[in-house]
Amino acid sequence: MDPVIVVGAGPVGLALALALTRHDVPVLVLDEGSGAYEPRPARTTVLSPDSAAFARRLLGPSFPAAGIRWTAWRTIRRRQTPRREETGDEAPLHLPQHELVHGLRAALAASGLARIETGCRLHALEQDADGVTAYTREPAAPRPGAGTSWRGSHLVGCDGARSTVRKLLDVRFPGRTAVERHAVAALRTELPWPGEAVLYRGPRGGEALARPLPDGIWRIDWLLPPRGDLVTPEALVSRIRDTLATWCGEIPPYELLDTGVHTVHHRLARRWRSGRVFLAGDAAHLLGTLGAHELDEGLRDASNLSWKLALTRHHGAPEALLDSYQAERRLAVGARLRAADQALPLVRAAGPWPTVRRSLLPGAGRGQESLLTDGHLGRGPLGAPPGYAHSPLTPPAGEASAAVGTLPGEPVEDVPVTAPDGTAAQLRERLGGDLLVVLVAPGTGVWDRRHWLGAGLMPRLAAAVAALPVPAELLVTEDYPGAAAHTVLMVRPDGHLVAAMPGVDPAELHACADTVRGGGGSGDGAARAGDGAVPGETGTEENGGAEEDGGAAAARDGTGGGGSAGPGAPETAAPTAADGVYPARGTPR
């Protein structure tokens, strides 16, 4: 059978390809570049715990050791520290992006199911009932006809903000250009807060963010006017020295390793699926303001789509399963963009009145800092992992449902589990394969598994799991938040709760599993996802902004890291929910 074609070899494309190989799906990666990925110390990525766990499952022992989890989050305002939070085990992971890409490439090469073709520039696509044909040529080829054709069962465009796949599908990409600009520097020095991430807010609206990396390296980001002048090397060095002097009392010794300017755009593709072709990562969305971790959403795309493509390939799932990718992910990213647009006027408002308001109204500054803290720490509407309560794959709550601390469609808690063979692990470590069925059975931890395998509900539950329409793994946990004894949880391969049931009901288990494979409803989720068009949608920029700004070049491979300085992009009107740029809340448009 033909492989799945992945266009683009940035972190999202490589992660999707590797996730597919973990499901025994062969993959062909078409890389327009040479295969080299330049190390850039100023191009780093921050992964929330769920995205870091996904990457760790893919890479195993080869997961990059060059990352660091912040020990605390500190906010400094006017030389005071109004907020400091210990981050604990759920701290974001900060690592150089080239380390992640190199690890993904190495794991993909070792998988035995993947092939990476470099120097392949896509210029045409054809679809039929059986697959997709991609036509490529070398970047320097004089004419489109001088190239190669590649055949695949499906194709996923992970080719960044300037996606050729998206253009060939004629999918619009509306949104806002140059929402934020940041000057970026990576330097080796000693700061007063080892291991902590620090948000500094100056007396005149200046803002800087310092995040640690191993070996005494820090990435520092300075908020710039969205459409200000170019940042010259001399101006950036002056900014570095002034900042270090303010923070340390004097300028400490430092080694400047890398610099750049990163421009953030807000865009959301109208459609994420067209037949056998999909969009993921920066080809489908651009975001990253107020601390949002942009690569998180791309990796969540990969986690969501990979198991659905695999289930379709191996078990002939209905089309509704693949439709649900757009219904779930576009709604989730649209909600994130909408939350950022609503928060930006509060956090970034300029001028005399906002300054006076912040100084006079009690708690105004704290409210802004809470929003920024939530975004950077992966909490709340700006940062928390999404839920898919409105997904066509989430069964309606019925009499057979049990109340637990996680709502259907939400990410499950990471609890200790035991497999029937006695293997102990965390629930998050067992994701990424088959469907999971988890029995909450207090006391099993002190039993010999030979006893509890044949006791109580286990024989009946094991038989019900074996009869499901899709492969599933049976696990046991002693406790789950909010769950009574003998509660049965069904969990998707990407870690979202399907349903919780009070005991073993084979018919209910079968119905839930059938819904997960896209067979439990009418499949109208994709129709609701549609192309996102809303009446009255005029005045929003459709495609041009990310193309015209030099800072978006870094987004081409899903980096979102420190791009190169470039001229500000054209001004566009800020869209609102009425403009239809983002789907309305609660409706998977």
Protein backbone atom coordinates (compact mmCIF):
# COMPACT_ATOMS: atom_id res chain seq x y z
CA MET A 1 0.00 0.00 0.00
CA ASP A 2 1.24 3.50 -0.77
CA PRO A 3 2.85 5.56 2.02
CA VAL A 4 1.45 8.69 3.58
CA ILE A 5 3.25 11.68 2.04
CA VAL A 6 4.34 14.42 4.45
CA VAL A 7 5.40 17.67 2.78
CA GLY A 8 7.81 19.58 5.00
CA ALA A 9 10.60 18.44 7.31
CA GLY A 10 10.30 20.87 10.19
CA PRO A 11 9.46 19.63 13.68
CA VAL A 12 5.74 19.15 12.96
CA GLY A 13 6.26 17.23 9.71
CA LEU A 14 8.94 15.03 11.25
CA ALA A 15 6.88 14.39 14.39
CA LEU A 16 3.83 13.43 12.32
CA ALA A 17 5.93 11.12 10.15
CA LEU A 18 7.50 9.47 13.19
CA ALA A 19 4.12 9.08 14.90
CA LEU A 20 2.79 7.33 11.78
CA THR A 21 5.70 4.90 11.76
CA ARG A 22 4.92 4.06 15.39
CA HIS A 23 1.54 2.91 14.05
CA ASP A 24 3.26 0.81 11.34
CA VAL A 25 2.33 3.26 8.59
CA PRO A 26 5.03 3.85 5.94
CA VAL A 27 5.84 7.50 5.28
CA LEU A 28 7.49 9.54 2.54
CA VAL A 29 8.77 12.96 3.65
CA LEU A 30 9.34 15.51 0.89
CA ASP A 31 11.85 18.13 2.03
CA GLU A 32 12.44 21.16 -0.16
CA GLY A 33 15.71 21.84 1.64
CA SER A 34 19.00 20.00 1.72
CA GLY A 35 18.27 18.11 4.93
CA ALA A 36 20.58 20.29 7.00
CA TYR A 37 19.06 22.19 9.91
CA GLU A 38 21.25 25.05 11.05
CA PRO A 39 21.78 25.25 14.82
CA ARG A 40 20.46 28.60 16.03
CA PRO A 41 20.78 29.19 19.78
CA ALA A 42 18.14 31.95 19.59
CA ARG A 43 15.66 29.59 17.93
CA THR A 44 14.26 27.63 20.82
CA THR A 45 10.93 26.03 21.57
CA VAL A 46 8.81 25.68 24.70
CA LEU A 47 6.70 22.55 25.05
CA SER A 48 3.81 22.14 27.46
CA PRO A 49 3.77 18.87 29.43
CA ASP A 50 1.39 17.11 27.01
CA SER A 51 3.45 18.06 23.94
CA ALA A 52 6.72 17.19 25.67
CA ALA A 53 5.27 13.80 26.62
CA PHE A 54 4.22 13.22 22.99
CA ALA A 55 7.72 14.04 21.76
CA ARG A 56 9.27 11.90 24.48
CA ARG A 57 7.11 8.91 23.51
CA LEU A 58 8.21 9.29 19.90
CA LEU A 59 11.92 9.65 20.64
CA GLY A 60 12.34 7.44 23.69
CA PRO A 61 15.95 7.33 24.92
CA SER A 62 17.06 9.66 22.10
CA PHE A 63 14.94 12.53 23.43
CA PRO A 64 17.22 15.62 23.55
CA ALA A 65 19.03 16.12 26.83
CA ALA A 66 19.63 19.79 26.01
CA GLY A 67 16.32 20.98 27.46
CA ILE A 68 15.45 22.35 30.86
CA ARG A 69 12.27 22.61 32.91
CA TRP A 70 11.93 25.91 34.70
CA THR A 71 12.06 25.58 38.47
CA ALA A 72 9.88 28.65 38.93
CA TRP A 73 8.11 31.48 37.13
CA ARG A 74 8.96 34.96 38.40
CA THR A 75 7.38 38.30 37.50
CA ILE A 76 9.35 41.47 38.23
CA ARG A 77 7.70 44.88 38.13
CA ARG A 78 9.53 48.07 39.14
CA ARG A 79 12.25 46.04 40.87
CA GLN A 80 9.65 44.20 42.93
CA THR A 81 8.58 40.55 42.59
CA PRO A 82 4.77 40.52 42.84
CA ARG A 83 4.54 36.92 41.66
CA ARG A 84 6.72 33.85 41.97
CA GLU A 85 5.39 30.34 41.38
CA GLU A 86 7.17 27.04 41.79
CA THR A 87 6.48 25.12 38.60
CA GLY A 88 7.06 21.53 39.76
CA ASP A 89 6.64 18.50 37.52
CA GLU A 90 4.21 20.28 35.18
CA ALA A 91 6.73 22.94 34.16
CA PRO A 92 7.13 23.63 30.43
CA LEU A 93 10.20 22.22 28.72
CA HIS A 94 12.54 24.72 27.04
CA LEU A 95 15.01 23.36 24.49
CA PRO A 96 16.91 24.38 21.34
CA GLN A 97 14.75 23.61 18.34
CA HIS A 98 17.59 22.16 16.28
CA GLU A 99 18.12 19.52 18.99
CA LEU A 100 14.50 18.42 18.66
CA VAL A 101 14.68 18.35 14.85
CA HIS A 102 17.93 16.37 14.84
CA GLY A 103 16.44 13.85 17.27
CA LEU A 104 13.31 13.43 15.14
CA ARG A 105 15.35 12.99 11.96
CA ALA A 106 17.56 10.37 13.55
CA ALA A 107 14.60 8.43 14.95
CA LEU A 108 12.81 8.60 11.61
CA ALA A 109 15.86 7.29 9.77
CA ALA A 110 16.08 4.40 12.23
CA SER A 111 12.39 3.50 12.00
CA GLY A 112 12.68 1.43 8.82
CA LEU A 113 9.32 2.75 7.62
CA ALA A 114 10.25 6.26 6.53
CA ARG A 115 12.01 7.77 3.56
CA ILE A 116 13.13 11.39 3.39
CA GLU A 117 13.66 12.92 -0.04
CA THR A 118 15.52 16.24 -0.05
CA GLY A 119 15.59 18.93 -2.73
CA CYS A 120 11.94 18.29 -3.61
CA ARG A 121 9.88 21.39 -4.29
CA LEU A 122 6.18 20.61 -4.64
CA HIS A 123 4.47 22.22 -7.63
CA ALA A 124 1.33 20.16 -8.30
CA LEU A 125 -1.10 17.71 -6.68
CA GLU A 126 -3.64 15.28 -8.07
CA GLN A 127 -6.20 13.24 -6.13
CA ASP A 128 -8.34 10.28 -7.10
CA ALA A 129 -10.40 7.68 -5.27
CA ASP A 130 -7.34 5.62 -4.35
CA GLY A 131 -4.69 8.15 -3.40
CA VAL A 132 -2.69 11.31 -4.06
CA THR A 133 0.04 12.07 -6.58
CA ALA A 134 2.55 14.80 -5.71
CA TYR A 135 4.72 16.36 -8.38
CA THR A 136 8.04 17.85 -7.35
CA ARG A 137 11.12 19.30 -8.96
CA GLU A 138 14.47 20.45 -7.70
CA PRO A 139 14.37 24.04 -6.41
CA ALA A 140 16.63 25.17 -9.28
CA ALA A 141 14.75 23.28 -12.00
CA PRO A 142 13.93 25.57 -14.96
CA ARG A 143 10.41 24.33 -15.63
CA PRO A 144 7.66 22.44 -13.77
CA GLY A 145 7.80 19.48 -16.15
CA ALA A 146 11.35 18.58 -15.18
CA GLY A 147 10.58 16.69 -12.01
CA THR A 148 9.36 13.58 -10.24
CA SER A 149 5.98 12.20 -9.23
CA TRP A 150 5.28 10.50 -5.90
CA ARG A 151 2.27 8.37 -5.02
CA GLY A 152 0.69 8.21 -1.57
CA SER A 153 -2.50 7.13 0.15
CA HIS A 154 -2.84 10.56 1.79
CA LEU A 155 -0.79 13.75 1.90
CA VAL A 156 -0.26 16.16 4.79
CA GLY A 157 1.06 19.67 4.21
CA CYS A 158 3.41 20.58 7.07
CA ASP A 159 5.24 23.10 4.92
CA GLY A 160 4.83 26.17 7.07
CA ALA A 161 3.33 29.64 6.83
CA ARG A 162 4.02 29.89 3.09
CA SER A 163 2.54 26.45 2.48
CA THR A 164 2.54 25.33 -1.14
CA VAL A 165 0.05 22.60 -0.26
CA ARG A 166 -2.40 25.16 1.08
CA LYS A 167 -2.03 27.30 -2.06
CA LEU A 168 -2.53 24.32 -4.38
CA LEU A 169 -5.74 23.51 -2.51
CA ASP A 170 -6.82 27.16 -2.86
CA VAL A 171 -7.45 27.38 0.89
CA ARG A 172 -7.69 30.88 2.30
CA PHE A 173 -5.53 31.87 5.27
CA PRO A 174 -7.13 34.92 6.91
CA GLY A 175 -6.03 36.66 10.06
CA ARG A 176 -3.79 39.38 11.40
CA THR A 177 -0.27 40.29 10.39
CA ALA A 178 2.54 41.36 12.76
CA VAL A 179 0.49 41.09 15.95
CA GLU A 180 3.70 41.15 18.00
CA ARG A 181 7.40 41.59 17.33
CA HIS A 182 10.22 40.50 19.59
CA ALA A 183 13.95 41.10 19.48
CA VAL A 184 15.64 37.86 20.51
CA ALA A 185 19.10 37.10 21.86
CA ALA A 186 20.78 33.96 23.17
CA LEU A 187 23.69 34.61 25.50
CA ARG A 188 25.78 32.80 28.05
CA THR A 189 25.89 34.68 31.34
CA GLU A 190 24.91 34.51 35.00
CA LEU A 191 21.58 36.01 36.02
CA PRO A 192 20.25 36.31 39.58
CA TRP A 193 17.58 33.63 39.07
CA PRO A 194 19.24 30.36 37.97
CA GLY A 195 16.75 27.89 36.54
CA GLU A 196 13.81 30.31 36.68
CA ALA A 197 11.88 31.93 33.85
CA VAL A 198 11.55 35.66 34.44
CA LEU A 199 9.07 38.17 33.02
CA TYR A 200 10.29 41.73 33.55
CA ARG A 201 7.85 44.61 33.10
CA GLY A 202 9.48 48.03 33.15
CA PRO A 203 8.01 51.32 34.39
CA ARG A 204 7.31 52.66 30.86
CA GLY A 205 5.67 49.60 29.38
CA GLY A 206 8.86 47.80 28.43
CA GLU A 207 8.74 44.03 28.65
CA ALA A 208 11.46 41.39 28.55
CA LEU A 209 11.35 37.65 29.07
CA ALA A 210 14.36 35.57 30.15
CA ARG A 211 14.23 31.78 29.89
CA PRO A 212 17.07 29.47 30.89
CA LEU A 213 18.73 26.72 28.88
CA PRO A 214 21.47 24.31 29.98
CA ASP A 215 25.13 25.36 30.18
CA GLY A 216 24.40 28.85 31.47
CA ILE A 217 22.61 29.96 28.29
CA TRP A 218 19.60 32.27 28.39
CA ARG A 219 17.15 33.27 25.69
CA ILE A 220 15.92 36.83 26.21
CA ASP A 221 12.99 38.31 24.28
CA TRP A 222 12.16 42.03 24.21
CA LEU A 223 8.71 43.17 23.12
CA LEU A 224 8.95 45.63 20.22
CA PRO A 225 6.40 47.95 18.63
CA PRO A 226 4.49 45.80 16.09
CA ARG A 227 5.54 47.93 13.14
CA GLY A 228 8.61 49.78 14.36
CA ASP A 229 11.95 50.35 12.73
CA LEU A 230 14.43 47.62 11.94
CA VAL A 231 16.47 46.44 14.92
CA THR A 232 20.12 47.10 14.13
CA PRO A 233 22.89 45.00 15.70
CA GLU A 234 24.11 48.07 17.56
CA ALA A 235 20.66 48.78 18.98
CA LEU A 236 20.24 45.17 20.10
CA VAL A 237 23.63 45.10 21.84
CA SER A 238 22.72 48.33 23.61
CA ARG A 239 19.41 46.78 24.69
CA ILE A 240 21.22 43.70 26.01
CA ARG A 241 23.66 45.77 28.06
CA ASP A 242 20.95 48.02 29.49
CA THR A 243 18.84 45.02 30.47
CA LEU A 244 21.71 43.16 32.14
CA ALA A 245 22.69 46.29 34.05
CA THR A 246 19.11 46.76 35.27
CA TRP A 247 18.76 43.15 36.36
CA CYS A 248 22.21 42.61 37.87
CA GLY A 249 23.16 46.09 39.07
CA GLU A 250 26.05 46.09 36.64
CA ILE A 251 26.84 44.49 33.31
CA PRO A 252 28.10 40.96 34.05
CA PRO A 253 30.43 39.11 31.68
CA TYR A 254 28.41 37.62 28.83
CA GLU A 255 28.91 35.84 25.52
CA LEU A 256 26.45 36.76 22.78
CA LEU A 257 25.65 33.59 20.80
CA ASP A 258 22.83 34.52 18.44
CA THR A 259 20.25 37.22 17.73
CA GLY A 260 17.13 37.68 15.66
CA VAL A 261 13.72 39.29 15.37
CA HIS A 262 10.62 37.14 15.70
CA THR A 263 7.29 38.39 14.31
CA VAL A 264 4.04 36.77 15.44
CA HIS A 265 1.04 36.51 13.11
CA HIS A 266 -2.48 35.28 13.85
CA ARG A 267 -3.92 33.20 11.01
CA LEU A 268 -6.25 30.23 10.66
CA ALA A 269 -6.78 28.26 7.46
CA ARG A 270 -10.37 28.00 6.27
CA ARG A 271 -10.14 24.27 5.64
CA TRP A 272 -7.75 21.68 7.05
CA ARG A 273 -8.88 18.80 4.87
CA SER A 274 -9.58 18.47 1.16
CA GLY A 275 -10.23 14.85 0.23
CA ARG A 276 -7.03 12.94 0.93
CA VAL A 277 -4.97 16.06 1.66
CA PHE A 278 -4.61 17.69 5.09
CA LEU A 279 -2.90 20.74 6.59
CA ALA A 280 -1.02 20.76 9.89
CA GLY A 281 1.24 23.04 11.90
CA ASP A 282 2.02 26.49 10.53
CA ALA A 283 0.41 25.56 7.21
CA ALA A 284 -2.91 25.48 9.09
CA HIS A 285 -2.43 28.15 11.76
CA LEU A 286 -0.12 30.86 13.07
CA LEU A 287 -0.18 32.01 16.68
CA GLY A 288 2.19 32.74 19.55
CA THR A 289 1.25 35.97 21.33
CA LEU A 290 1.09 36.39 25.10
CA GLY A 291 3.26 33.38 25.80
CA ALA A 292 1.35 30.83 23.72
CA HIS A 293 3.69 28.01 22.72
CA GLU A 294 3.16 27.83 18.97
CA LEU A 295 4.86 24.47 18.39
CA ASP A 296 2.53 22.92 20.98
CA GLU A 297 -0.40 23.27 18.60
CA GLY A 298 1.53 21.79 15.69
CA LEU A 299 2.50 18.75 17.75
CA ARG A 300 -1.11 18.41 18.89
CA ASP A 301 -2.09 18.39 15.21
CA ALA A 302 0.38 15.55 14.62
CA SER A 303 -0.81 13.60 17.66
CA ASN A 304 -4.45 13.99 16.62
CA LEU A 305 -4.07 13.13 12.94
CA SER A 306 -1.56 10.27 13.16
CA TRP A 307 -3.76 7.74 14.96
CA LYS A 308 -6.73 8.59 12.74
CA LEU A 309 -4.77 8.00 9.54
CA ALA A 310 -3.42 4.76 11.01
CA LEU A 311 -6.84 3.49 12.07
CA THR A 312 -8.24 4.32 8.64
CA ARG A 313 -5.38 2.48 6.94
CA HIS A 314 -5.34 -0.65 9.08
CA HIS A 315 -9.02 -1.03 9.99
CA GLY A 316 -11.02 0.82 7.35
CA ALA A 317 -12.55 3.45 9.61
CA PRO A 318 -15.37 5.61 8.20
CA GLU A 319 -14.58 8.97 6.61
CA ALA A 320 -16.06 10.68 9.67
CA LEU A 321 -12.91 9.76 11.59
CA LEU A 322 -10.69 11.78 9.25
CA ASP A 323 -13.29 14.56 9.14
CA SER A 324 -12.96 14.88 12.91
CA TYR A 325 -9.37 16.11 12.58
CA GLN A 326 -10.57 19.43 11.19
CA ALA A 327 -13.61 19.55 13.47
CA GLU A 328 -11.47 19.14 16.59
CA ARG A 329 -8.23 20.88 15.85
CA ARG A 330 -9.55 23.91 13.97
CA LEU A 331 -12.02 24.64 16.75
CA ALA A 332 -9.30 24.29 19.40
CA VAL A 333 -6.81 26.57 17.67
CA GLY A 334 -9.54 29.05 16.81
CA ALA A 335 -10.47 29.25 20.49
CA ARG A 336 -6.83 29.88 21.38
CA LEU A 337 -6.57 32.68 18.80
CA ARG A 338 -9.82 34.22 19.95
CA ALA A 339 -8.66 34.18 23.59
CA ALA A 340 -5.43 35.92 22.60
CA ASP A 341 -7.29 38.56 20.58
CA GLN A 342 -9.56 39.26 23.55
CA ALA A 343 -6.63 39.52 25.98
CA LEU A 344 -4.34 41.64 23.81
CA PRO A 345 -6.17 44.96 24.33
CA LEU A 346 -5.87 44.53 28.09
CA VAL A 347 -2.25 43.42 28.18
CA ARG A 348 -0.76 45.43 25.31
CA ALA A 349 -2.89 48.60 25.28
CA ALA A 350 -0.76 51.70 24.78
CA GLY A 351 -1.33 55.40 25.29
CA PRO A 352 -1.93 57.67 28.27
CA TRP A 353 -5.28 56.32 29.48
CA PRO A 354 -4.26 52.62 29.72
CA THR A 355 -1.12 53.71 31.59
CA VAL A 356 -3.15 55.79 34.06
CA ARG A 357 -5.74 53.01 34.41
CA ARG A 358 -3.08 50.45 35.23
CA SER A 359 -1.57 52.75 37.83
CA LEU A 360 -4.87 53.71 39.49
CA LEU A 361 -7.06 50.62 39.35
CA PRO A 362 -6.24 48.10 42.07
CA GLY A 363 -5.17 44.78 40.61
CA ALA A 364 -5.00 45.96 36.98
CA GLY A 365 -1.34 45.03 36.72
CA ARG A 366 -1.92 41.73 38.49
CA GLY A 367 -4.62 40.83 35.97
CA GLN A 368 -2.25 41.39 33.09
CA GLU A 369 0.46 39.37 34.79
CA SER A 370 -1.97 36.52 35.43
CA LEU A 371 -2.82 36.36 31.73
CA LEU A 372 0.85 36.34 30.75
CA THR A 373 1.68 33.76 33.42
CA ASP A 374 -1.09 31.45 32.25
CA GLY A 375 0.05 31.72 28.64
CA HIS A 376 3.67 30.94 29.42
CA LEU A 377 2.88 28.14 31.89
CA GLY A 378 0.33 26.46 29.64
CA ARG A 379 -2.81 27.22 31.65
CA GLY A 380 -6.20 28.74 30.99
CA PRO A 381 -7.60 29.67 27.57
CA LEU A 382 -4.21 30.96 26.40
CA GLY A 383 -2.24 27.83 27.18
CA ALA A 384 -4.07 24.80 28.54
CA PRO A 385 -4.30 21.64 26.41
CA PRO A 386 -7.57 21.70 24.45
CA GLY A 387 -10.62 19.60 25.06
CA TYR A 388 -12.85 18.14 22.35
CA ALA A 389 -16.22 18.12 24.09
CA HIS A 390 -18.00 19.04 20.84
CA SER A 391 -16.18 16.46 18.75
CA PRO A 392 -18.18 14.01 16.64
CA LEU A 393 -15.99 11.34 18.29
CA THR A 394 -17.23 12.18 21.80
CA PRO A 395 -20.28 10.03 22.67
CA PRO A 396 -23.28 11.85 24.15
CA ALA A 397 -23.56 11.45 27.90
CA GLY A 398 -26.12 8.82 28.80
CA GLU A 399 -27.45 6.90 31.75
CA ALA A 400 -24.44 4.61 31.55
CA SER A 401 -22.00 7.48 32.12
CA ALA A 402 -20.02 7.83 35.34
CA ALA A 403 -18.89 11.14 36.80
CA VAL A 404 -15.12 11.52 37.08
CA GLY A 405 -12.77 14.48 37.41
CA THR A 406 -12.30 14.65 33.63
CA LEU A 407 -15.07 15.57 31.21
CA PRO A 408 -15.48 13.58 27.98
CA GLY A 409 -13.19 15.03 25.33
CA GLU A 410 -10.77 16.51 27.89
CA PRO A 411 -7.17 15.29 28.38
CA VAL A 412 -6.93 12.54 30.99
CA GLU A 413 -4.90 12.82 34.18
CA ASP A 414 -1.50 11.15 34.22
CA VAL A 415 -2.02 8.39 36.82
CA PRO A 416 0.03 5.23 37.51
CA VAL A 417 -1.30 2.20 35.62
CA THR A 418 -0.51 -1.50 35.38
CA ALA A 419 -0.81 -3.66 32.28
CA PRO A 420 -2.04 -7.29 32.44
CA ASP A 421 1.56 -8.47 31.98
CA GLY A 422 2.52 -6.65 35.18
CA THR A 423 4.24 -3.71 33.50
CA ALA A 424 3.89 -0.54 35.58
CA ALA A 425 3.91 2.87 33.91
CA GLN A 426 2.26 6.26 33.85
CA LEU A 427 -0.90 6.52 31.78
CA ARG A 428 0.69 9.18 29.58
CA GLU A 429 3.47 6.72 28.68
CA ARG A 430 0.93 4.24 27.25
CA LEU A 431 -0.61 6.73 24.84
CA GLY A 432 0.18 6.84 21.14
CA GLY A 433 -0.78 3.26 20.34
CA ASP A 434 -4.18 1.59 20.57
CA LEU A 435 -7.31 2.74 22.35
CA LEU A 436 -6.93 2.38 26.13
CA VAL A 437 -9.51 0.89 28.50
CA VAL A 438 -8.65 1.61 32.14
CA LEU A 439 -10.33 -0.06 35.13
CA VAL A 440 -10.24 1.83 38.43
CA ALA A 441 -9.65 -0.96 40.95
CA PRO A 442 -8.42 0.15 44.40
CA GLY A 443 -6.07 -2.32 46.06
CA THR A 444 -4.77 -4.05 42.95
CA GLY A 445 -1.32 -2.64 43.63
CA VAL A 446 -0.86 -5.05 46.54
CA TRP A 447 -2.19 -8.09 44.69
CA ASP A 448 -0.25 -10.48 42.57
CA ARG A 449 -1.48 -9.90 39.04
CA ARG A 450 -2.20 -13.63 38.67
CA HIS A 451 -4.99 -13.12 41.18
CA TRP A 452 -6.59 -9.90 39.99
CA LEU A 453 -6.50 -10.94 36.33
CA GLY A 454 -9.03 -13.65 37.12
CA ALA A 455 -10.95 -11.85 39.84
CA GLY A 456 -13.94 -9.54 39.98
CA LEU A 457 -14.69 -7.60 36.82
CA MET A 458 -11.47 -8.40 34.99
CA PRO A 459 -12.48 -11.54 33.04
CA ARG A 460 -15.67 -9.91 31.77
CA LEU A 461 -13.88 -6.65 30.99
CA ALA A 462 -11.07 -8.44 29.16
CA ALA A 463 -13.61 -10.29 27.01
CA ALA A 464 -15.45 -7.04 26.23
CA VAL A 465 -12.19 -5.31 25.25
CA ALA A 466 -11.23 -8.21 22.98
CA ALA A 467 -14.58 -7.84 21.17
CA LEU A 468 -14.25 -4.12 20.43
CA PRO A 469 -14.31 -2.99 16.77
CA VAL A 470 -10.83 -1.44 17.13
CA PRO A 471 -7.71 -2.69 18.94
CA ALA A 472 -7.54 -1.66 22.59
CA GLU A 473 -5.18 -2.16 25.50
CA LEU A 474 -6.52 -3.01 28.96
CA LEU A 475 -4.94 -1.25 31.96
CA VAL A 476 -5.68 -1.02 35.67
CA THR A 477 -5.21 1.92 38.03
CA GLU A 478 -5.76 2.07 41.77
CA ASP A 479 -7.16 5.58 41.67
CA TYR A 480 -8.37 8.23 39.26
CA PRO A 481 -9.51 11.73 40.32
CA GLY A 482 -13.23 11.75 40.99
CA ALA A 483 -13.75 8.11 39.98
CA ALA A 484 -15.48 5.51 42.12
CA ALA A 485 -14.23 1.94 42.38
CA HIS A 486 -14.93 -0.19 39.28
CA THR A 487 -15.26 2.82 36.99
CA VAL A 488 -14.12 2.00 33.45
CA LEU A 489 -12.43 4.74 31.41
CA MET A 490 -11.98 4.69 27.65
CA VAL A 491 -9.08 6.85 26.43
CA ARG A 492 -8.12 7.83 22.88
CA PRO A 493 -4.57 7.27 21.60
CA ASP A 494 -3.94 11.02 21.90
CA GLY A 495 -4.92 11.07 25.57
CA HIS A 496 -8.47 12.46 25.49
CA LEU A 497 -11.23 10.81 27.50
CA VAL A 498 -13.90 9.13 25.41
CA ALA A 499 -16.22 8.11 28.23
CA ALA A 500 -16.37 6.90 31.83
CA MET A 501 -18.72 4.04 32.72
CA PRO A 502 -19.83 2.71 36.13
CA GLY A 503 -18.76 -0.89 35.70
CA VAL A 504 -18.51 -3.25 32.76
CA ASP A 505 -21.17 -2.87 30.09
CA PRO A 506 -19.97 -4.63 26.91
CA ALA A 507 -22.62 -3.01 24.73
CA GLU A 508 -21.76 0.48 26.00
CA LEU A 509 -18.03 -0.16 25.55
CA HIS A 510 -18.64 -1.33 21.99
CA ALA A 511 -20.81 1.71 21.21
CA CYS A 512 -18.18 4.11 22.56
CA ALA A 513 -15.40 2.43 20.58
CA ASP A 514 -17.54 2.59 17.45
CA THR A 515 -18.07 6.32 18.02
CA VAL A 516 -14.32 6.82 18.39
CA ARG A 517 -13.71 5.19 15.01
CA GLY A 518 -16.19 7.60 13.42
CA GLY A 519 -19.06 5.18 13.14
CA GLY A 520 -21.26 6.36 15.97
CA GLY A 521 -22.91 9.36 14.34
CA SER A 522 -23.94 10.94 11.11
CA GLY A 523 -20.52 12.37 10.42
CA ASP A 524 -21.84 15.93 10.37
CA GLY A 525 -18.87 17.14 12.41
CA ALA A 526 -16.95 17.79 9.22
CA ALA A 527 -19.84 19.66 7.73
CA ARG A 528 -19.98 21.83 10.82
CA ALA A 529 -16.24 22.33 10.58
CA GLY A 530 -16.76 23.41 6.97
CA ASP A 531 -14.56 26.13 5.67
CA GLY A 532 -15.27 28.44 8.57
CA ALA A 533 -17.04 31.03 6.42
CA VAL A 534 -19.39 33.31 8.30
CA PRO A 535 -21.76 35.89 6.79
CA GLY A 536 -20.41 39.41 6.94
CA GLU A 537 -16.79 38.32 6.70
CA THR A 538 -15.20 41.26 4.96
CA GLY A 539 -12.15 43.35 5.61
CA THR A 540 -9.87 40.58 6.89
CA GLU A 541 -6.62 39.89 5.13
CA GLU A 542 -6.81 36.47 3.51
CA ASN A 543 -3.36 35.34 2.51
CA GLY A 544 -0.71 37.98 2.22
CA GLY A 545 0.61 38.93 5.63
CA ALA A 546 2.78 35.97 6.50
CA GLU A 547 4.18 35.97 3.00
CA GLU A 548 5.37 39.56 3.14
CA ASP A 549 7.12 39.67 6.50
CA GLY A 550 10.69 38.51 6.80
CA GLY A 551 10.08 37.36 10.34
CA ALA A 552 7.68 34.69 9.08
CA ALA A 553 10.45 32.84 7.31
CA ALA A 554 11.17 30.99 10.52
CA ALA A 555 7.60 29.76 10.52
CA ARG A 556 8.13 28.04 7.17
CA ASP A 557 9.26 24.88 8.95
CA GLY A 558 7.10 25.42 11.99
CA THR A 559 9.84 27.04 14.05
CA GLY A 560 8.32 30.17 15.40
CA GLY A 561 11.78 30.88 16.73
CA GLY A 562 14.07 33.79 16.13
CA GLY A 563 13.67 34.81 12.53
CA SER A 564 15.67 37.44 10.74
CA ALA A 565 14.85 41.09 10.87
CA GLY A 566 12.63 42.31 8.08
CA PRO A 567 10.36 45.18 7.16
CA GLY A 568 7.03 45.44 8.89
CA ALA A 569 4.15 43.91 7.00
CA PRO A 570 1.15 45.96 5.80
CA GLU A 571 -1.35 47.08 8.41
CA THR A 572 -4.60 45.15 8.48
CA ALA A 573 -7.80 45.63 10.42
CA ALA A 574 -8.02 43.48 13.53
CA PRO A 575 -10.71 40.87 12.95
CA THR A 576 -13.31 40.10 15.56
CA ALA A 577 -15.44 37.05 16.17
CA ALA A 578 -18.03 38.59 13.86
CA ASP A 579 -15.52 38.57 11.04
CA GLY A 580 -15.58 34.80 11.11
CA VAL A 581 -11.82 34.41 11.22
CA TYR A 582 -12.12 32.02 14.15
CA PRO A 583 -15.01 29.62 14.68
CA ALA A 584 -17.63 30.60 17.21
CA ARG A 585 -17.30 29.06 20.66
CA GLY A 586 -19.00 25.72 20.98
CA THR A 587 -19.46 25.25 17.24
CA PRO A 588 -16.86 23.16 15.37
CA ARG A 589 -17.02 25.32 12.28
